[in-house]
Amino acid sequence: MATDKNLIETLYRSVARQQALFTTLLPDDLEHAMVDAYLLFRLLDTIEDSSLAPEERAADLEAVADDFPAALEKRSIRHAQAERTPPAYRSLLENFQQIFSFHREQPPNVQGIIEETGARMASGMAKFALREAEVGLGKRPALIEDFSELEEYCTVAAGYVGEMSVRLFDLFGALARADDEVLEAGRALGNFVQIVNVLRDSSSDRERNRSYRPRETAGLADKEYLNQVFSFGRNIASRSELLGEVVVKPEVRTYCATLHGMASLHLTFYQQTAPRILHERIKPPVTLFILFLPPRLVGRFLLYKIRGLFRARD
């Protein structure tokens, strides 16, 4: 099957949103690899976020972990036919064959790195789905017990992607070195971004009866709990700063700095408005980001926000 590159770009923009802006900072070959990974991992999210019982989700995810991406392709067919598939995923699932075609067009070493990462993510997602089942059966008091388990969840959701990014950066000659310390810095950047996502989604997760609040903080007032999360997030962020020293390609360094900076701005905003973030989805003002973003992204960012306003009215 010939890949429709325009369709791939449309799909990516529809699900990646701001991330789709940031990856345009990267060299073309590296951008293509990141787009490929993102689309495959969003297909993986269709299983994790499906309405299936946790035990069924865990079984699907374990199968995908054992045979990534072939098992993911098979399950995409099934989820594409499910009536309760979330609208945000519908277009992905309707065009999953194009996504896999695009993946097969990437260099074999790129495919290998992405597939190894996808398998690790699926395995971790299965573990948390089983924990969710245990919570439902009363065998486990909470999905997240403490901050070490919160970091484990963030690693599954985004930290492995951070490690993958480091491996891809190295593959395309963007790093001075790529040892375990640098991989840890990549994982930390992913985890930092995910902590911000957890805070952003707190109110909507509550509506879904899902909570990533560590059980050890149950007796704390909301503001005191959030102060611990903010401190936790900044500690993780500090562990990612090594990337700024080892990335040798300016455009890749700008990409990493943009991810880190945007997450930092969001965390500061949530801290200033705490504890509202736990009870309502609040968005930082656009002006907060205009002076921070690389100049080439400002116009695209404003257009993205304007389109978001029109989508919200529909």
C-alpha atoms as a PDB file:
ATOM      1  CA  MET A   1       0.000   0.000   0.000  1.00  0.00           C
ATOM      2  CA  ALA A   2       1.319   3.435  -0.953  1.00  0.00           C
ATOM      3  CA  THR A   3       1.360   5.842   1.975  1.00  0.00           C
ATOM      4  CA  ASP A   4      -0.622   9.051   1.647  1.00  0.00           C
ATOM      5  CA  LYS A   5       1.795  11.514   3.274  1.00  0.00           C
ATOM      6  CA  ASN A   6      -0.827  14.273   3.392  1.00  0.00           C
ATOM      7  CA  LEU A   7      -3.166  11.963   5.295  1.00  0.00           C
ATOM      8  CA  ILE A   8      -0.391  11.013   7.722  1.00  0.00           C
ATOM      9  CA  GLU A   9       0.285  14.699   8.375  1.00  0.00           C
ATOM     10  CA  THR A  10      -3.435  15.374   8.913  1.00  0.00           C
ATOM     11  CA  LEU A  11      -3.783  12.446  11.320  1.00  0.00           C
ATOM     12  CA  TYR A  12      -0.704  13.518  13.232  1.00  0.00           C
ATOM     13  CA  ARG A  13      -1.842  17.100  13.599  1.00  0.00           C
ATOM     14  CA  SER A  14      -5.300  15.992  14.742  1.00  0.00           C
ATOM     15  CA  VAL A  15      -4.004  13.884  17.630  1.00  0.00           C
ATOM     16  CA  ALA A  16      -0.601  15.411  18.457  1.00  0.00           C
ATOM     17  CA  ARG A  17      -1.828  19.030  18.637  1.00  0.00           C
ATOM     18  CA  GLN A  18       0.921  21.141  20.237  1.00  0.00           C
ATOM     19  CA  GLN A  19       3.449  18.330  19.874  1.00  0.00           C
ATOM     20  CA  ALA A  20       2.876  18.519  16.118  1.00  0.00           C
ATOM     21  CA  LEU A  21       4.163  22.091  16.259  1.00  0.00           C
ATOM     22  CA  PHE A  22       7.249  21.196  18.243  1.00  0.00           C
ATOM     23  CA  THR A  23       8.379  18.332  16.006  1.00  0.00           C
ATOM     24  CA  THR A  24       8.566  20.749  13.056  1.00  0.00           C
ATOM     25  CA  LEU A  25      11.690  22.078  14.773  1.00  0.00           C
ATOM     26  CA  LEU A  26      13.475  18.791  14.043  1.00  0.00           C
ATOM     27  CA  PRO A  27      15.379  17.803  10.869  1.00  0.00           C
ATOM     28  CA  ASP A  28      13.052  16.087   8.379  1.00  0.00           C
ATOM     29  CA  ASP A  29      14.316  12.514   8.828  1.00  0.00           C
ATOM     30  CA  LEU A  30      14.101  12.763  12.603  1.00  0.00           C
ATOM     31  CA  GLU A  31      10.686  14.432  12.398  1.00  0.00           C
ATOM     32  CA  HIS A  32       9.384  11.546  10.278  1.00  0.00           C
ATOM     33  CA  ALA A  33      10.625   9.036  12.861  1.00  0.00           C
ATOM     34  CA  MET A  34       8.929  10.938  15.689  1.00  0.00           C
ATOM     35  CA  VAL A  35       5.659  11.201  13.743  1.00  0.00           C
ATOM     36  CA  ASP A  36       5.755   7.448  13.081  1.00  0.00           C
ATOM     37  CA  ALA A  37       6.307   6.679  16.757  1.00  0.00           C
ATOM     38  CA  TYR A  38       3.611   9.083  17.927  1.00  0.00           C
ATOM     39  CA  LEU A  39       0.926   7.641  15.647  1.00  0.00           C
ATOM     40  CA  LEU A  40       1.723   4.048  16.620  1.00  0.00           C
ATOM     41  CA  PHE A  41       1.701   4.910  20.309  1.00  0.00           C
ATOM     42  CA  ARG A  42      -1.628   6.708  19.947  1.00  0.00           C
ATOM     43  CA  LEU A  43      -3.021   3.503  18.462  1.00  0.00           C
ATOM     44  CA  LEU A  44      -1.722   1.803  21.588  1.00  0.00           C
ATOM     45  CA  ASP A  45      -3.639   4.396  23.622  1.00  0.00           C
ATOM     46  CA  THR A  46      -6.876   3.274  21.941  1.00  0.00           C
ATOM     47  CA  ILE A  47      -6.520   0.005  23.840  1.00  0.00           C
ATOM     48  CA  GLU A  48      -5.508   1.594  27.153  1.00  0.00           C
ATOM     49  CA  ASP A  49      -8.365   4.120  26.983  1.00  0.00           C
ATOM     50  CA  SER A  50     -10.994   1.727  25.634  1.00  0.00           C
ATOM     51  CA  SER A  51     -14.209   0.855  27.460  1.00  0.00           C
ATOM     52  CA  LEU A  52     -13.125  -2.775  27.815  1.00  0.00           C
ATOM     53  CA  ALA A  53     -12.886  -4.193  31.331  1.00  0.00           C
ATOM     54  CA  PRO A  54      -9.392  -3.747  32.839  1.00  0.00           C
ATOM     55  CA  GLU A  55      -8.683  -7.485  32.586  1.00  0.00           C
ATOM     56  CA  GLU A  56      -9.525  -7.460  28.867  1.00  0.00           C
ATOM     57  CA  ARG A  57      -7.389  -4.384  28.274  1.00  0.00           C
ATOM     58  CA  ALA A  58      -4.510  -6.035  30.111  1.00  0.00           C
ATOM     59  CA  ALA A  59      -4.799  -9.159  27.947  1.00  0.00           C
ATOM     60  CA  ASP A  60      -4.788  -7.081  24.752  1.00  0.00           C
ATOM     61  CA  LEU A  61      -1.834  -5.020  25.938  1.00  0.00           C
ATOM     62  CA  GLU A  62       0.175  -8.098  26.955  1.00  0.00           C
ATOM     63  CA  ALA A  63      -0.435  -9.585  23.501  1.00  0.00           C
ATOM     64  CA  VAL A  64       0.783  -6.362  21.891  1.00  0.00           C
ATOM     65  CA  ALA A  65       3.860  -6.327  24.134  1.00  0.00           C
ATOM     66  CA  ASP A  66       4.714  -9.852  22.996  1.00  0.00           C
ATOM     67  CA  ASP A  67       4.359  -9.062  19.280  1.00  0.00           C
ATOM     68  CA  PHE A  68       4.704  -5.346  18.553  1.00  0.00           C
ATOM     69  CA  PRO A  69       3.561  -4.016  16.114  1.00  0.00           C
ATOM     70  CA  ALA A  70       1.824  -7.014  14.445  1.00  0.00           C
ATOM     71  CA  ALA A  71      -0.525  -7.625  17.378  1.00  0.00           C
ATOM     72  CA  LEU A  72      -1.301  -3.908  17.537  1.00  0.00           C
ATOM     73  CA  GLU A  73      -2.318  -3.994  13.883  1.00  0.00           C
ATOM     74  CA  LYS A  74      -4.705  -6.911  14.533  1.00  0.00           C
ATOM     75  CA  ARG A  75      -6.270  -5.186  17.522  1.00  0.00           C
ATOM     76  CA  SER A  76      -6.646  -1.941  15.600  1.00  0.00           C
ATOM     77  CA  ILE A  77      -9.046  -3.788  13.307  1.00  0.00           C
ATOM     78  CA  ARG A  78     -11.155  -4.863  16.273  1.00  0.00           C
ATOM     79  CA  HIS A  79     -11.187  -1.489  17.981  1.00  0.00           C
ATOM     80  CA  ALA A  80     -12.027   0.244  14.698  1.00  0.00           C
ATOM     81  CA  GLN A  81     -15.234  -1.776  14.666  1.00  0.00           C
ATOM     82  CA  ALA A  82     -16.156  -1.054  18.305  1.00  0.00           C
ATOM     83  CA  GLU A  83     -19.150   1.229  18.724  1.00  0.00           C
ATOM     84  CA  ARG A  84     -17.803   2.930  21.835  1.00  0.00           C
ATOM     85  CA  THR A  85     -14.469   4.000  20.407  1.00  0.00           C
ATOM     86  CA  PRO A  86     -13.723   7.586  21.564  1.00  0.00           C
ATOM     87  CA  PRO A  87     -14.229  10.095  18.715  1.00  0.00           C
ATOM     88  CA  ALA A  88     -10.655  11.355  19.059  1.00  0.00           C
ATOM     89  CA  TYR A  89      -9.379   7.923  18.064  1.00  0.00           C
ATOM     90  CA  ARG A  90     -11.896   7.173  15.331  1.00  0.00           C
ATOM     91  CA  SER A  91      -9.903   8.729  12.472  1.00  0.00           C
ATOM     92  CA  LEU A  92      -6.744   6.956  13.600  1.00  0.00           C
ATOM     93  CA  LEU A  93      -8.442   3.590  13.635  1.00  0.00           C
ATOM     94  CA  GLU A  94     -10.193   4.182  10.329  1.00  0.00           C
ATOM     95  CA  ASN A  95      -6.789   4.798   8.738  1.00  0.00           C
ATOM     96  CA  PHE A  96      -4.614   2.402  10.744  1.00  0.00           C
ATOM     97  CA  GLN A  97      -3.390   0.661   7.567  1.00  0.00           C
ATOM     98  CA  GLN A  98      -1.874   3.947   6.383  1.00  0.00           C
ATOM     99  CA  ILE A  99      -0.119   4.354   9.742  1.00  0.00           C
ATOM    100  CA  PHE A 100       1.454   0.902   9.512  1.00  0.00           C
ATOM    101  CA  SER A 101       2.404   1.524   5.887  1.00  0.00           C
ATOM    102  CA  PHE A 102       4.182   4.721   6.965  1.00  0.00           C
ATOM    103  CA  HIS A 103       5.978   2.798   9.716  1.00  0.00           C
ATOM    104  CA  ARG A 104       7.269   0.200   7.250  1.00  0.00           C
ATOM    105  CA  GLU A 105       8.748   2.970   5.106  1.00  0.00           C
ATOM    106  CA  GLN A 106      11.098   4.060   7.900  1.00  0.00           C
ATOM    107  CA  PRO A 107      14.690   2.769   7.979  1.00  0.00           C
ATOM    108  CA  PRO A 108      14.952  -0.653   9.699  1.00  0.00           C
ATOM    109  CA  ASN A 109      16.992   0.693  12.622  1.00  0.00           C
ATOM    110  CA  VAL A 110      14.344   3.379  13.227  1.00  0.00           C
ATOM    111  CA  GLN A 111      11.597   0.755  13.108  1.00  0.00           C
ATOM    112  CA  GLY A 112      13.503  -1.368  15.618  1.00  0.00           C
ATOM    113  CA  ILE A 113      13.901   1.424  18.171  1.00  0.00           C
ATOM    114  CA  ILE A 114      10.234   2.393  17.892  1.00  0.00           C
ATOM    115  CA  GLU A 115       9.024  -1.198  18.139  1.00  0.00           C
ATOM    116  CA  GLU A 116      11.141  -1.938  21.217  1.00  0.00           C
ATOM    117  CA  THR A 117       9.721   1.167  22.864  1.00  0.00           C
ATOM    118  CA  GLY A 118       6.137   0.271  21.948  1.00  0.00           C
ATOM    119  CA  ALA A 119       6.541  -3.204  23.431  1.00  0.00           C
ATOM    120  CA  ARG A 120       7.857  -1.762  26.717  1.00  0.00           C
ATOM    121  CA  MET A 121       4.986   0.717  26.870  1.00  0.00           C
ATOM    122  CA  ALA A 122       2.384  -1.983  26.199  1.00  0.00           C
ATOM    123  CA  SER A 123       3.842  -4.201  28.920  1.00  0.00           C
ATOM    124  CA  GLY A 124       3.756  -1.342  31.430  1.00  0.00           C
ATOM    125  CA  MET A 125       0.211  -0.379  30.439  1.00  0.00           C
ATOM    126  CA  ALA A 126      -0.884  -3.998  30.981  1.00  0.00           C
ATOM    127  CA  LYS A 127       0.600  -3.912  34.476  1.00  0.00           C
ATOM    128  CA  PHE A 128      -1.384  -0.795  35.388  1.00  0.00           C
ATOM    129  CA  ALA A 129      -4.572  -2.210  33.835  1.00  0.00           C
ATOM    130  CA  LEU A 130      -4.230  -5.238  36.124  1.00  0.00           C
ATOM    131  CA  ARG A 131      -3.712  -2.907  39.088  1.00  0.00           C
ATOM    132  CA  GLU A 132      -6.908  -1.107  38.101  1.00  0.00           C
ATOM    133  CA  ALA A 133      -8.704  -4.455  38.100  1.00  0.00           C
ATOM    134  CA  GLU A 134      -7.345  -5.207  41.566  1.00  0.00           C
ATOM    135  CA  VAL A 135      -8.600  -1.849  42.840  1.00  0.00           C
ATOM    136  CA  GLY A 136     -12.060  -2.641  41.453  1.00  0.00           C
ATOM    137  CA  LEU A 137     -12.056  -6.011  43.229  1.00  0.00           C
ATOM    138  CA  GLY A 138     -10.881  -4.497  46.515  1.00  0.00           C
ATOM    139  CA  LYS A 139      -7.558  -6.354  46.355  1.00  0.00           C
ATOM    140  CA  ARG A 140      -5.569  -3.128  46.120  1.00  0.00           C
ATOM    141  CA  PRO A 141      -6.406   0.145  47.920  1.00  0.00           C
ATOM    142  CA  ALA A 142      -5.370   2.524  45.118  1.00  0.00           C
ATOM    143  CA  LEU A 143      -3.944   2.600  41.600  1.00  0.00           C
ATOM    144  CA  ILE A 144      -0.929   4.613  42.800  1.00  0.00           C
ATOM    145  CA  GLU A 145       0.493   3.906  46.247  1.00  0.00           C
ATOM    146  CA  ASP A 146       3.293   6.478  46.491  1.00  0.00           C
ATOM    147  CA  PHE A 147       5.398   8.871  44.451  1.00  0.00           C
ATOM    148  CA  SER A 148       7.721   6.106  43.269  1.00  0.00           C
ATOM    149  CA  GLU A 149       4.709   4.390  41.669  1.00  0.00           C
ATOM    150  CA  LEU A 150       3.600   7.720  40.197  1.00  0.00           C
ATOM    151  CA  GLU A 151       7.002   8.029  38.543  1.00  0.00           C
ATOM    152  CA  GLU A 152       6.676   4.440  37.320  1.00  0.00           C
ATOM    153  CA  TYR A 153       3.353   5.340  35.693  1.00  0.00           C
ATOM    154  CA  CYS A 154       4.899   8.438  34.084  1.00  0.00           C
ATOM    155  CA  THR A 155       7.739   6.307  32.735  1.00  0.00           C
ATOM    156  CA  VAL A 156       5.282   3.951  31.044  1.00  0.00           C
ATOM    157  CA  ALA A 157       3.233   6.825  29.612  1.00  0.00           C
ATOM    158  CA  ALA A 158       6.069   9.089  28.452  1.00  0.00           C
ATOM    159  CA  GLY A 159       9.441   8.253  29.996  1.00  0.00           C
ATOM    160  CA  TYR A 160      10.082   5.381  27.599  1.00  0.00           C
ATOM    161  CA  VAL A 161       9.334   7.812  24.767  1.00  0.00           C
ATOM    162  CA  GLY A 162      11.978  10.128  26.201  1.00  0.00           C
ATOM    163  CA  GLU A 163      14.499   7.290  26.146  1.00  0.00           C
ATOM    164  CA  MET A 164      13.464   6.440  22.591  1.00  0.00           C
ATOM    165  CA  SER A 165      13.990  10.064  21.580  1.00  0.00           C
ATOM    166  CA  VAL A 166      17.549   9.950  22.895  1.00  0.00           C
ATOM    167  CA  ARG A 167      18.229   6.780  20.890  1.00  0.00           C
ATOM    168  CA  LEU A 168      16.812   8.385  17.743  1.00  0.00           C
ATOM    169  CA  PHE A 169      18.765  11.596  18.363  1.00  0.00           C
ATOM    170  CA  ASP A 170      21.925   9.503  18.601  1.00  0.00           C
ATOM    171  CA  LEU A 171      21.040   7.529  15.466  1.00  0.00           C
ATOM    172  CA  PHE A 172      20.774  10.755  13.477  1.00  0.00           C
ATOM    173  CA  GLY A 173      23.996  12.211  14.863  1.00  0.00           C
ATOM    174  CA  ALA A 174      22.475  14.785  17.210  1.00  0.00           C
ATOM    175  CA  LEU A 175      24.284  13.772  20.431  1.00  0.00           C
ATOM    176  CA  ALA A 176      27.850  14.019  21.699  1.00  0.00           C
ATOM    177  CA  ARG A 177      27.217  10.826  23.680  1.00  0.00           C
ATOM    178  CA  ALA A 178      24.312   8.480  24.445  1.00  0.00           C
ATOM    179  CA  ASP A 179      25.212   6.550  27.583  1.00  0.00           C
ATOM    180  CA  ASP A 180      22.913   5.484  30.421  1.00  0.00           C
ATOM    181  CA  GLU A 181      23.129   8.924  32.033  1.00  0.00           C
ATOM    182  CA  VAL A 182      21.829  10.562  28.863  1.00  0.00           C
ATOM    183  CA  LEU A 183      19.071   7.943  28.491  1.00  0.00           C
ATOM    184  CA  GLU A 184      18.025   8.763  32.057  1.00  0.00           C
ATOM    185  CA  ALA A 185      17.906  12.464  31.147  1.00  0.00           C
ATOM    186  CA  GLY A 186      15.618  11.651  28.205  1.00  0.00           C
ATOM    187  CA  ARG A 187      13.379   9.559  30.438  1.00  0.00           C
ATOM    188  CA  ALA A 188      13.255  12.395  32.969  1.00  0.00           C
ATOM    189  CA  LEU A 189      12.127  14.870  30.294  1.00  0.00           C
ATOM    190  CA  GLY A 190       9.304  12.539  29.294  1.00  0.00           C
ATOM    191  CA  ASN A 191       8.317  12.009  32.923  1.00  0.00           C
ATOM    192  CA  PHE A 192       8.309  15.751  33.573  1.00  0.00           C
ATOM    193  CA  VAL A 193       5.969  16.368  30.643  1.00  0.00           C
ATOM    194  CA  GLN A 194       3.715  13.552  31.886  1.00  0.00           C
ATOM    195  CA  ILE A 195       3.500  14.997  35.414  1.00  0.00           C
ATOM    196  CA  VAL A 196       2.158  18.176  33.839  1.00  0.00           C
ATOM    197  CA  ASN A 197      -0.338  16.080  31.844  1.00  0.00           C
ATOM    198  CA  VAL A 198      -1.490  14.315  35.019  1.00  0.00           C
ATOM    199  CA  LEU A 199      -2.160  17.680  36.659  1.00  0.00           C
ATOM    200  CA  ARG A 200      -3.905  19.035  33.555  1.00  0.00           C
ATOM    201  CA  ASP A 201      -6.215  16.016  33.373  1.00  0.00           C
ATOM    202  CA  SER A 202      -6.980  15.785  37.102  1.00  0.00           C
ATOM    203  CA  SER A 203     -10.589  16.946  36.831  1.00  0.00           C
ATOM    204  CA  SER A 204     -11.431  14.859  33.747  1.00  0.00           C
ATOM    205  CA  ASP A 205      -9.795  11.775  35.285  1.00  0.00           C
ATOM    206  CA  ARG A 206     -11.953  12.289  38.358  1.00  0.00           C
ATOM    207  CA  GLU A 207     -15.041  12.260  36.144  1.00  0.00           C
ATOM    208  CA  ARG A 208     -13.859   8.899  34.762  1.00  0.00           C
ATOM    209  CA  ASN A 209     -13.387   7.636  38.327  1.00  0.00           C
ATOM    210  CA  ARG A 210      -9.640   7.341  37.797  1.00  0.00           C
ATOM    211  CA  SER A 211      -7.050   8.938  40.067  1.00  0.00           C
ATOM    212  CA  TYR A 212      -3.279   9.108  39.890  1.00  0.00           C
ATOM    213  CA  ARG A 213      -2.992  10.719  43.316  1.00  0.00           C
ATOM    214  CA  PRO A 214      -0.662   8.637  45.509  1.00  0.00           C
ATOM    215  CA  ARG A 215      -2.547   6.988  48.364  1.00  0.00           C
ATOM    216  CA  GLU A 216       0.131   8.141  50.806  1.00  0.00           C
ATOM    217  CA  THR A 217      -1.128  11.729  50.309  1.00  0.00           C
ATOM    218  CA  ALA A 218      -4.786  10.912  51.047  1.00  0.00           C
ATOM    219  CA  GLY A 219      -4.730  12.696  54.408  1.00  0.00           C
ATOM    220  CA  LEU A 220      -3.274  15.914  53.032  1.00  0.00           C
ATOM    221  CA  ALA A 221      -5.208  19.025  52.093  1.00  0.00           C
ATOM    222  CA  ASP A 222      -5.321  19.593  48.332  1.00  0.00           C
ATOM    223  CA  LYS A 223      -2.858  22.464  48.373  1.00  0.00           C
ATOM    224  CA  GLU A 224      -0.371  20.548  50.504  1.00  0.00           C
ATOM    225  CA  TYR A 225      -0.656  17.544  48.196  1.00  0.00           C
ATOM    226  CA  LEU A 226      -0.113  19.738  45.137  1.00  0.00           C
ATOM    227  CA  ASN A 227       2.957  21.327  46.703  1.00  0.00           C
ATOM    228  CA  GLN A 228       4.438  17.842  46.937  1.00  0.00           C
ATOM    229  CA  VAL A 229       3.584  17.182  43.283  1.00  0.00           C
ATOM    230  CA  PHE A 230       5.143  20.489  42.185  1.00  0.00           C
ATOM    231  CA  SER A 231       8.325  19.682  44.113  1.00  0.00           C
ATOM    232  CA  PHE A 232       8.331  16.159  42.681  1.00  0.00           C
ATOM    233  CA  GLY A 233       7.931  17.501  39.149  1.00  0.00           C
ATOM    234  CA  ARG A 234      10.714  20.056  39.460  1.00  0.00           C
ATOM    235  CA  ASN A 235      13.053  17.426  40.855  1.00  0.00           C
ATOM    236  CA  ILE A 236      12.410  15.246  37.802  1.00  0.00           C
ATOM    237  CA  ALA A 237      12.842  18.258  35.511  1.00  0.00           C
ATOM    238  CA  SER A 238      16.294  18.955  36.978  1.00  0.00           C
ATOM    239  CA  ARG A 239      17.382  15.438  36.007  1.00  0.00           C
ATOM    240  CA  SER A 240      16.670  16.185  32.347  1.00  0.00           C
ATOM    241  CA  GLU A 241      18.947  19.214  32.092  1.00  0.00           C
ATOM    242  CA  LEU A 242      21.909  17.134  30.902  1.00  0.00           C
ATOM    243  CA  LEU A 243      20.285  16.997  27.461  1.00  0.00           C
ATOM    244  CA  GLY A 244      21.108  20.666  26.948  1.00  0.00           C
ATOM    245  CA  GLU A 245      24.807  19.793  27.325  1.00  0.00           C
ATOM    246  CA  VAL A 246      25.032  16.727  25.069  1.00  0.00           C
ATOM    247  CA  VAL A 247      22.764  17.663  22.136  1.00  0.00           C
ATOM    248  CA  VAL A 248      25.016  18.971  19.365  1.00  0.00           C
ATOM    249  CA  LYS A 249      22.462  19.810  16.657  1.00  0.00           C
ATOM    250  CA  PRO A 250      20.950  23.265  17.330  1.00  0.00           C
ATOM    251  CA  GLU A 251      17.478  22.359  16.036  1.00  0.00           C
ATOM    252  CA  VAL A 252      17.309  19.283  18.281  1.00  0.00           C
ATOM    253  CA  ARG A 253      18.531  21.321  21.250  1.00  0.00           C
ATOM    254  CA  THR A 254      15.780  23.867  20.547  1.00  0.00           C
ATOM    255  CA  TYR A 255      13.208  21.062  20.414  1.00  0.00           C
ATOM    256  CA  CYS A 256      14.276  19.686  23.812  1.00  0.00           C
ATOM    257  CA  ALA A 257      14.390  23.157  25.350  1.00  0.00           C
ATOM    258  CA  THR A 258      10.904  23.905  23.994  1.00  0.00           C
ATOM    259  CA  LEU A 259       9.412  20.754  25.539  1.00  0.00           C
ATOM    260  CA  HIS A 260      11.099  21.461  28.865  1.00  0.00           C
ATOM    261  CA  GLY A 261      10.172  25.147  28.831  1.00  0.00           C
ATOM    262  CA  MET A 262       6.510  24.602  27.952  1.00  0.00           C
ATOM    263  CA  ALA A 263       6.156  22.015  30.706  1.00  0.00           C
ATOM    264  CA  SER A 264       7.823  24.389  33.183  1.00  0.00           C
ATOM    265  CA  LEU A 265       5.492  27.245  32.248  1.00  0.00           C
ATOM    266  CA  HIS A 266       2.447  25.013  32.727  1.00  0.00           C
ATOM    267  CA  LEU A 267       3.713  23.749  36.094  1.00  0.00           C
ATOM    268  CA  THR A 268       4.313  27.318  37.312  1.00  0.00           C
ATOM    269  CA  PHE A 269       0.823  28.360  36.182  1.00  0.00           C
ATOM    270  CA  TYR A 270      -0.807  25.410  37.955  1.00  0.00           C
ATOM    271  CA  GLN A 271       1.153  26.227  41.099  1.00  0.00           C
ATOM    272  CA  GLN A 272      -0.014  29.833  41.005  1.00  0.00           C
ATOM    273  CA  THR A 273      -3.656  28.784  40.584  1.00  0.00           C
ATOM    274  CA  ALA A 274      -3.656  25.796  42.961  1.00  0.00           C
ATOM    275  CA  PRO A 275      -5.781  23.974  43.967  1.00  0.00           C
ATOM    276  CA  ARG A 276      -8.213  24.791  41.103  1.00  0.00           C
ATOM    277  CA  ILE A 277      -6.495  22.363  38.738  1.00  0.00           C
ATOM    278  CA  LEU A 278      -7.857  19.416  40.768  1.00  0.00           C
ATOM    279  CA  HIS A 279     -11.466  20.463  40.224  1.00  0.00           C
ATOM    280  CA  GLU A 280     -11.594  22.202  36.840  1.00  0.00           C
ATOM    281  CA  ARG A 281      -9.605  22.158  33.630  1.00  0.00           C
ATOM    282  CA  ILE A 282      -7.890  25.518  33.455  1.00  0.00           C
ATOM    283  CA  LYS A 283      -5.711  26.723  30.607  1.00  0.00           C
ATOM    284  CA  PRO A 284      -2.792  29.125  30.884  1.00  0.00           C
ATOM    285  CA  PRO A 285      -3.241  32.364  28.908  1.00  0.00           C
ATOM    286  CA  VAL A 286      -1.745  32.291  25.414  1.00  0.00           C
ATOM    287  CA  THR A 287       0.376  35.336  26.238  1.00  0.00           C
ATOM    288  CA  LEU A 288       2.327  33.190  28.709  1.00  0.00           C
ATOM    289  CA  PHE A 289       3.918  31.304  25.830  1.00  0.00           C
ATOM    290  CA  ILE A 290       4.320  33.899  23.088  1.00  0.00           C
ATOM    291  CA  LEU A 291       7.594  35.355  24.373  1.00  0.00           C
ATOM    292  CA  PHE A 292       8.989  31.917  25.171  1.00  0.00           C
ATOM    293  CA  LEU A 293       8.381  30.011  21.929  1.00  0.00           C
ATOM    294  CA  PRO A 294      10.974  29.972  19.117  1.00  0.00           C
ATOM    295  CA  PRO A 295       9.967  32.742  16.657  1.00  0.00           C
ATOM    296  CA  ARG A 296       9.216  30.306  13.847  1.00  0.00           C
ATOM    297  CA  LEU A 297       6.534  28.629  16.008  1.00  0.00           C
ATOM    298  CA  VAL A 298       4.694  31.712  17.267  1.00  0.00           C
ATOM    299  CA  GLY A 299       2.445  32.166  14.231  1.00  0.00           C
ATOM    300  CA  ARG A 300       1.626  28.456  14.058  1.00  0.00           C
ATOM    301  CA  PHE A 301       0.918  28.384  17.782  1.00  0.00           C
ATOM    302  CA  LEU A 302      -1.532  31.279  17.519  1.00  0.00           C
ATOM    303  CA  LEU A 303      -3.264  29.595  14.574  1.00  0.00           C
ATOM    304  CA  TYR A 304      -3.508  26.370  16.590  1.00  0.00           C
ATOM    305  CA  LYS A 305      -5.149  28.254  19.458  1.00  0.00           C
ATOM    306  CA  ILE A 306      -7.597  30.058  17.149  1.00  0.00           C
ATOM    307  CA  ARG A 307      -8.631  26.747  15.579  1.00  0.00           C
ATOM    308  CA  GLY A 308      -9.123  25.373  19.084  1.00  0.00           C
ATOM    309  CA  LEU A 309     -11.555  28.161  19.883  1.00  0.00           C
ATOM    310  CA  PHE A 310     -13.645  27.327  16.828  1.00  0.00           C
ATOM    311  CA  ARG A 311     -13.617  23.600  17.678  1.00  0.00           C
ATOM    312  CA  ALA A 312     -14.820  24.424  21.174  1.00  0.00           C
ATOM    313  CA  ARG A 313     -17.792  26.337  19.747  1.00  0.00           C
ATOM    314  CA  ASP A 314     -18.860  23.501  17.439  1.00  0.00           C
END
